[in-house]
Amino acid sequence: MKDMVEHASAKRPRLSVGVLVRHFGGVLLVKCGDQGGAAAQWRLPRAQQRWGEALPQTVERAVQTQTGVRMAAGDVVQVYDLIDVDEDHHTVMLDFEAAYLDGDLSAGGDAQDVAWASGLALRSMEVEENTAELLSDMGIL
């Protein structure tokens, strides 16, 4: 038992940010490559925090790299853990709100597609579970 505790204590979760950007009544979503064999789903732009990078920089980099849009980081709106013991994976997710500044949509980084989604279009999209929960909690979906 002691070996399990020592082994587990040597591991550290990763920190990743997601970003909720609203503009003209829509929310900014990205569709990234297949996730562990599952079909790609729409989700918030997100990125792992890099060493020495402040959270606002991570937020802004995630959005600009994946979508071409510039924005200003706002407040945290949600915090949760993604834990898969079988895959030896633990990520702490911080979802931020952000204010749109400028830029035209263009998929970049690991994003296959990007969209400002709202209304019926948003309801018909295959949205990742954690993103759908946040959008529902905020009255967007």
C-alpha atoms as a PDB file:
ATOM      1  CA  MET A   1       0.000   0.000   0.000  1.00  0.00           C
ATOM      2  CA  LYS A   2       2.830   2.380   0.874  1.00  0.00           C
ATOM      3  CA  ASP A   3       4.332   1.877  -2.625  1.00  0.00           C
ATOM      4  CA  MET A   4       1.011   2.868  -4.233  1.00  0.00           C
ATOM      5  CA  VAL A   5       0.825   6.064  -2.183  1.00  0.00           C
ATOM      6  CA  GLU A   6       4.448   6.987  -2.928  1.00  0.00           C
ATOM      7  CA  HIS A   7       3.960   6.228  -6.640  1.00  0.00           C
ATOM      8  CA  ALA A   8       0.757   8.286  -6.805  1.00  0.00           C
ATOM      9  CA  SER A   9       2.305  11.202  -4.897  1.00  0.00           C
ATOM     10  CA  ALA A  10       5.108  11.462  -7.489  1.00  0.00           C
ATOM     11  CA  LYS A  11       2.544  12.173 -10.206  1.00  0.00           C
ATOM     12  CA  ARG A  12       1.134  15.630 -10.801  1.00  0.00           C
ATOM     13  CA  PRO A  13      -2.025  16.701 -12.610  1.00  0.00           C
ATOM     14  CA  ARG A  14      -1.707  18.928 -15.665  1.00  0.00           C
ATOM     15  CA  LEU A  15      -3.399  22.323 -15.830  1.00  0.00           C
ATOM     16  CA  SER A  16      -5.464  23.189 -18.868  1.00  0.00           C
ATOM     17  CA  VAL A  17      -7.685  26.177 -19.634  1.00  0.00           C
ATOM     18  CA  GLY A  18     -10.847  26.415 -21.675  1.00  0.00           C
ATOM     19  CA  VAL A  19     -12.175  29.731 -22.940  1.00  0.00           C
ATOM     20  CA  LEU A  20     -15.780  30.892 -23.346  1.00  0.00           C
ATOM     21  CA  VAL A  21     -15.863  33.775 -25.851  1.00  0.00           C
ATOM     22  CA  ARG A  22     -19.220  35.302 -26.816  1.00  0.00           C
ATOM     23  CA  HIS A  23     -19.692  37.625 -29.776  1.00  0.00           C
ATOM     24  CA  PHE A  24     -22.789  38.758 -31.705  1.00  0.00           C
ATOM     25  CA  GLY A  25     -24.981  36.301 -29.781  1.00  0.00           C
ATOM     26  CA  GLY A  26     -22.788  33.296 -30.548  1.00  0.00           C
ATOM     27  CA  VAL A  27     -20.187  31.330 -28.648  1.00  0.00           C
ATOM     28  CA  LEU A  28     -16.775  30.430 -30.087  1.00  0.00           C
ATOM     29  CA  LEU A  29     -16.288  26.668 -30.519  1.00  0.00           C
ATOM     30  CA  VAL A  30     -13.559  24.526 -32.061  1.00  0.00           C
ATOM     31  CA  LYS A  31     -13.641  21.012 -33.471  1.00  0.00           C
ATOM     32  CA  CYS A  32     -10.381  19.152 -32.921  1.00  0.00           C
ATOM     33  CA  GLY A  33      -9.020  15.801 -34.099  1.00  0.00           C
ATOM     34  CA  ASP A  34     -10.319  12.439 -32.954  1.00  0.00           C
ATOM     35  CA  GLN A  35     -10.205  12.014 -29.194  1.00  0.00           C
ATOM     36  CA  GLY A  36      -9.103   8.496 -28.256  1.00  0.00           C
ATOM     37  CA  GLY A  37     -10.885   6.864 -31.179  1.00  0.00           C
ATOM     38  CA  ALA A  38     -14.106   8.846 -30.670  1.00  0.00           C
ATOM     39  CA  ALA A  39     -15.368  11.218 -33.354  1.00  0.00           C
ATOM     40  CA  ALA A  40     -14.314  14.854 -32.993  1.00  0.00           C
ATOM     41  CA  GLN A  41     -16.763  17.015 -31.055  1.00  0.00           C
ATOM     42  CA  TRP A  42     -17.202  20.760 -30.719  1.00  0.00           C
ATOM     43  CA  ARG A  43     -15.731  22.280 -27.552  1.00  0.00           C
ATOM     44  CA  LEU A  44     -14.347  25.484 -26.129  1.00  0.00           C
ATOM     45  CA  PRO A  45     -10.870  26.486 -27.298  1.00  0.00           C
ATOM     46  CA  ARG A  46      -8.399  25.070 -24.776  1.00  0.00           C
ATOM     47  CA  ALA A  47      -4.700  24.613 -24.117  1.00  0.00           C
ATOM     48  CA  GLN A  48      -2.398  23.314 -21.437  1.00  0.00           C
ATOM     49  CA  GLN A  49      -0.556  25.921 -19.440  1.00  0.00           C
ATOM     50  CA  ARG A  50       3.149  26.142 -20.274  1.00  0.00           C
ATOM     51  CA  TRP A  51       5.923  26.530 -17.718  1.00  0.00           C
ATOM     52  CA  GLY A  52       6.383  30.231 -16.824  1.00  0.00           C
ATOM     53  CA  GLU A  53       3.170  31.291 -18.588  1.00  0.00           C
ATOM     54  CA  ALA A  54       0.613  33.299 -16.585  1.00  0.00           C
ATOM     55  CA  LEU A  55      -3.006  32.102 -16.841  1.00  0.00           C
ATOM     56  CA  PRO A  56      -4.185  35.114 -18.897  1.00  0.00           C
ATOM     57  CA  GLN A  57      -1.422  34.370 -21.425  1.00  0.00           C
ATOM     58  CA  THR A  58      -2.504  30.718 -21.645  1.00  0.00           C
ATOM     59  CA  VAL A  59      -6.120  31.792 -22.202  1.00  0.00           C
ATOM     60  CA  GLU A  60      -5.204  34.256 -24.946  1.00  0.00           C
ATOM     61  CA  ARG A  61      -2.794  31.806 -26.644  1.00  0.00           C
ATOM     62  CA  ALA A  62      -5.391  29.017 -26.664  1.00  0.00           C
ATOM     63  CA  VAL A  63      -7.933  31.142 -28.498  1.00  0.00           C
ATOM     64  CA  GLN A  64      -5.605  32.913 -30.912  1.00  0.00           C
ATOM     65  CA  THR A  65      -3.722  29.740 -31.916  1.00  0.00           C
ATOM     66  CA  GLN A  66      -6.849  27.663 -32.530  1.00  0.00           C
ATOM     67  CA  THR A  67      -9.185  30.313 -33.963  1.00  0.00           C
ATOM     68  CA  GLY A  68      -7.295  33.422 -35.136  1.00  0.00           C
ATOM     69  CA  VAL A  69      -9.367  35.572 -32.747  1.00  0.00           C
ATOM     70  CA  ARG A  70      -7.855  37.965 -30.215  1.00  0.00           C
ATOM     71  CA  MET A  71      -9.584  38.346 -26.878  1.00  0.00           C
ATOM     72  CA  ALA A  72      -9.013  39.536 -23.325  1.00  0.00           C
ATOM     73  CA  ALA A  73      -9.142  36.963 -20.528  1.00  0.00           C
ATOM     74  CA  GLY A  74     -11.823  37.437 -17.895  1.00  0.00           C
ATOM     75  CA  ASP A  75     -12.939  35.525 -14.811  1.00  0.00           C
ATOM     76  CA  VAL A  76     -12.961  31.796 -14.110  1.00  0.00           C
ATOM     77  CA  VAL A  77     -16.456  30.364 -14.675  1.00  0.00           C
ATOM     78  CA  GLN A  78     -15.847  26.680 -13.958  1.00  0.00           C
ATOM     79  CA  VAL A  79     -13.235  24.344 -12.455  1.00  0.00           C
ATOM     80  CA  TYR A  80     -13.280  20.559 -12.756  1.00  0.00           C
ATOM     81  CA  ASP A  81     -11.032  17.491 -12.905  1.00  0.00           C
ATOM     82  CA  LEU A  82     -10.662  15.094 -15.825  1.00  0.00           C
ATOM     83  CA  ILE A  83      -9.340  11.879 -14.277  1.00  0.00           C
ATOM     84  CA  ASP A  84      -8.818   8.570 -16.059  1.00  0.00           C
ATOM     85  CA  VAL A  85      -6.964   6.230 -13.712  1.00  0.00           C
ATOM     86  CA  ASP A  86      -6.829   3.463 -16.355  1.00  0.00           C
ATOM     87  CA  GLU A  87      -5.072   5.801 -18.791  1.00  0.00           C
ATOM     88  CA  ASP A  88      -2.919   7.311 -16.023  1.00  0.00           C
ATOM     89  CA  HIS A  89      -4.240  10.790 -16.824  1.00  0.00           C
ATOM     90  CA  HIS A  90      -5.331  13.695 -14.594  1.00  0.00           C
ATOM     91  CA  THR A  91      -6.000  17.216 -15.873  1.00  0.00           C
ATOM     92  CA  VAL A  92      -7.390  20.137 -13.869  1.00  0.00           C
ATOM     93  CA  MET A  93      -9.568  22.281 -16.143  1.00  0.00           C
ATOM     94  CA  LEU A  94     -10.113  26.003 -15.564  1.00  0.00           C
ATOM     95  CA  ASP A  95     -12.729  27.529 -17.874  1.00  0.00           C
ATOM     96  CA  PHE A  96     -12.544  31.300 -18.280  1.00  0.00           C
ATOM     97  CA  GLU A  97     -14.847  33.881 -19.831  1.00  0.00           C
ATOM     98  CA  ALA A  98     -13.185  36.216 -22.298  1.00  0.00           C
ATOM     99  CA  ALA A  99     -14.097  39.371 -24.188  1.00  0.00           C
ATOM    100  CA  TYR A 100     -13.767  39.358 -27.984  1.00  0.00           C
ATOM    101  CA  LEU A 101     -11.361  42.031 -29.275  1.00  0.00           C
ATOM    102  CA  ASP A 102     -10.904  41.377 -32.996  1.00  0.00           C
ATOM    103  CA  GLY A 103      -9.946  38.880 -35.661  1.00  0.00           C
ATOM    104  CA  ASP A 104     -11.501  36.641 -38.283  1.00  0.00           C
ATOM    105  CA  LEU A 105     -12.091  32.954 -37.692  1.00  0.00           C
ATOM    106  CA  SER A 106      -9.512  30.574 -39.108  1.00  0.00           C
ATOM    107  CA  ALA A 107      -8.790  27.082 -37.790  1.00  0.00           C
ATOM    108  CA  GLY A 108      -5.222  26.664 -36.546  1.00  0.00           C
ATOM    109  CA  GLY A 109      -3.195  24.513 -34.187  1.00  0.00           C
ATOM    110  CA  ASP A 110      -5.040  21.252 -33.593  1.00  0.00           C
ATOM    111  CA  ALA A 111      -8.437  22.717 -34.620  1.00  0.00           C
ATOM    112  CA  GLN A 112     -10.068  21.197 -37.707  1.00  0.00           C
ATOM    113  CA  ASP A 113     -12.884  23.735 -37.740  1.00  0.00           C
ATOM    114  CA  VAL A 114     -14.051  26.831 -35.840  1.00  0.00           C
ATOM    115  CA  ALA A 115     -17.461  28.475 -35.531  1.00  0.00           C
ATOM    116  CA  TRP A 116     -19.495  31.158 -33.831  1.00  0.00           C
ATOM    117  CA  ALA A 117     -22.455  28.996 -32.798  1.00  0.00           C
ATOM    118  CA  SER A 118     -25.857  29.992 -31.469  1.00  0.00           C
ATOM    119  CA  GLY A 119     -29.509  28.990 -31.460  1.00  0.00           C
ATOM    120  CA  LEU A 120     -30.613  26.018 -33.514  1.00  0.00           C
ATOM    121  CA  ALA A 121     -27.169  25.543 -35.056  1.00  0.00           C
ATOM    122  CA  LEU A 122     -25.643  25.119 -31.601  1.00  0.00           C
ATOM    123  CA  ARG A 123     -28.333  22.639 -30.571  1.00  0.00           C
ATOM    124  CA  SER A 124     -27.679  20.500 -33.648  1.00  0.00           C
ATOM    125  CA  MET A 125     -23.901  20.314 -33.118  1.00  0.00           C
ATOM    126  CA  GLU A 126     -22.192  17.377 -31.394  1.00  0.00           C
ATOM    127  CA  VAL A 127     -20.860  19.291 -28.362  1.00  0.00           C
ATOM    128  CA  GLU A 128     -18.431  17.751 -25.850  1.00  0.00           C
ATOM    129  CA  GLU A 129     -20.127  16.879 -22.529  1.00  0.00           C
ATOM    130  CA  ASN A 130     -18.253  19.346 -20.266  1.00  0.00           C
ATOM    131  CA  THR A 131     -18.724  22.179 -22.777  1.00  0.00           C
ATOM    132  CA  ALA A 132     -22.448  21.377 -23.145  1.00  0.00           C
ATOM    133  CA  GLU A 133     -22.873  21.421 -19.338  1.00  0.00           C
ATOM    134  CA  LEU A 134     -21.238  24.832 -19.039  1.00  0.00           C
ATOM    135  CA  LEU A 135     -23.250  26.291 -21.937  1.00  0.00           C
ATOM    136  CA  SER A 136     -26.441  24.901 -20.399  1.00  0.00           C
ATOM    137  CA  ASP A 137     -25.599  26.228 -16.930  1.00  0.00           C
ATOM    138  CA  MET A 138     -25.006  29.674 -18.448  1.00  0.00           C
ATOM    139  CA  GLY A 139     -28.299  29.599 -20.392  1.00  0.00           C
ATOM    140  CA  ILE A 140     -26.576  29.493 -23.788  1.00  0.00           C
ATOM    141  CA  LEU A 141     -27.590  25.962 -24.788  1.00  0.00           C
END
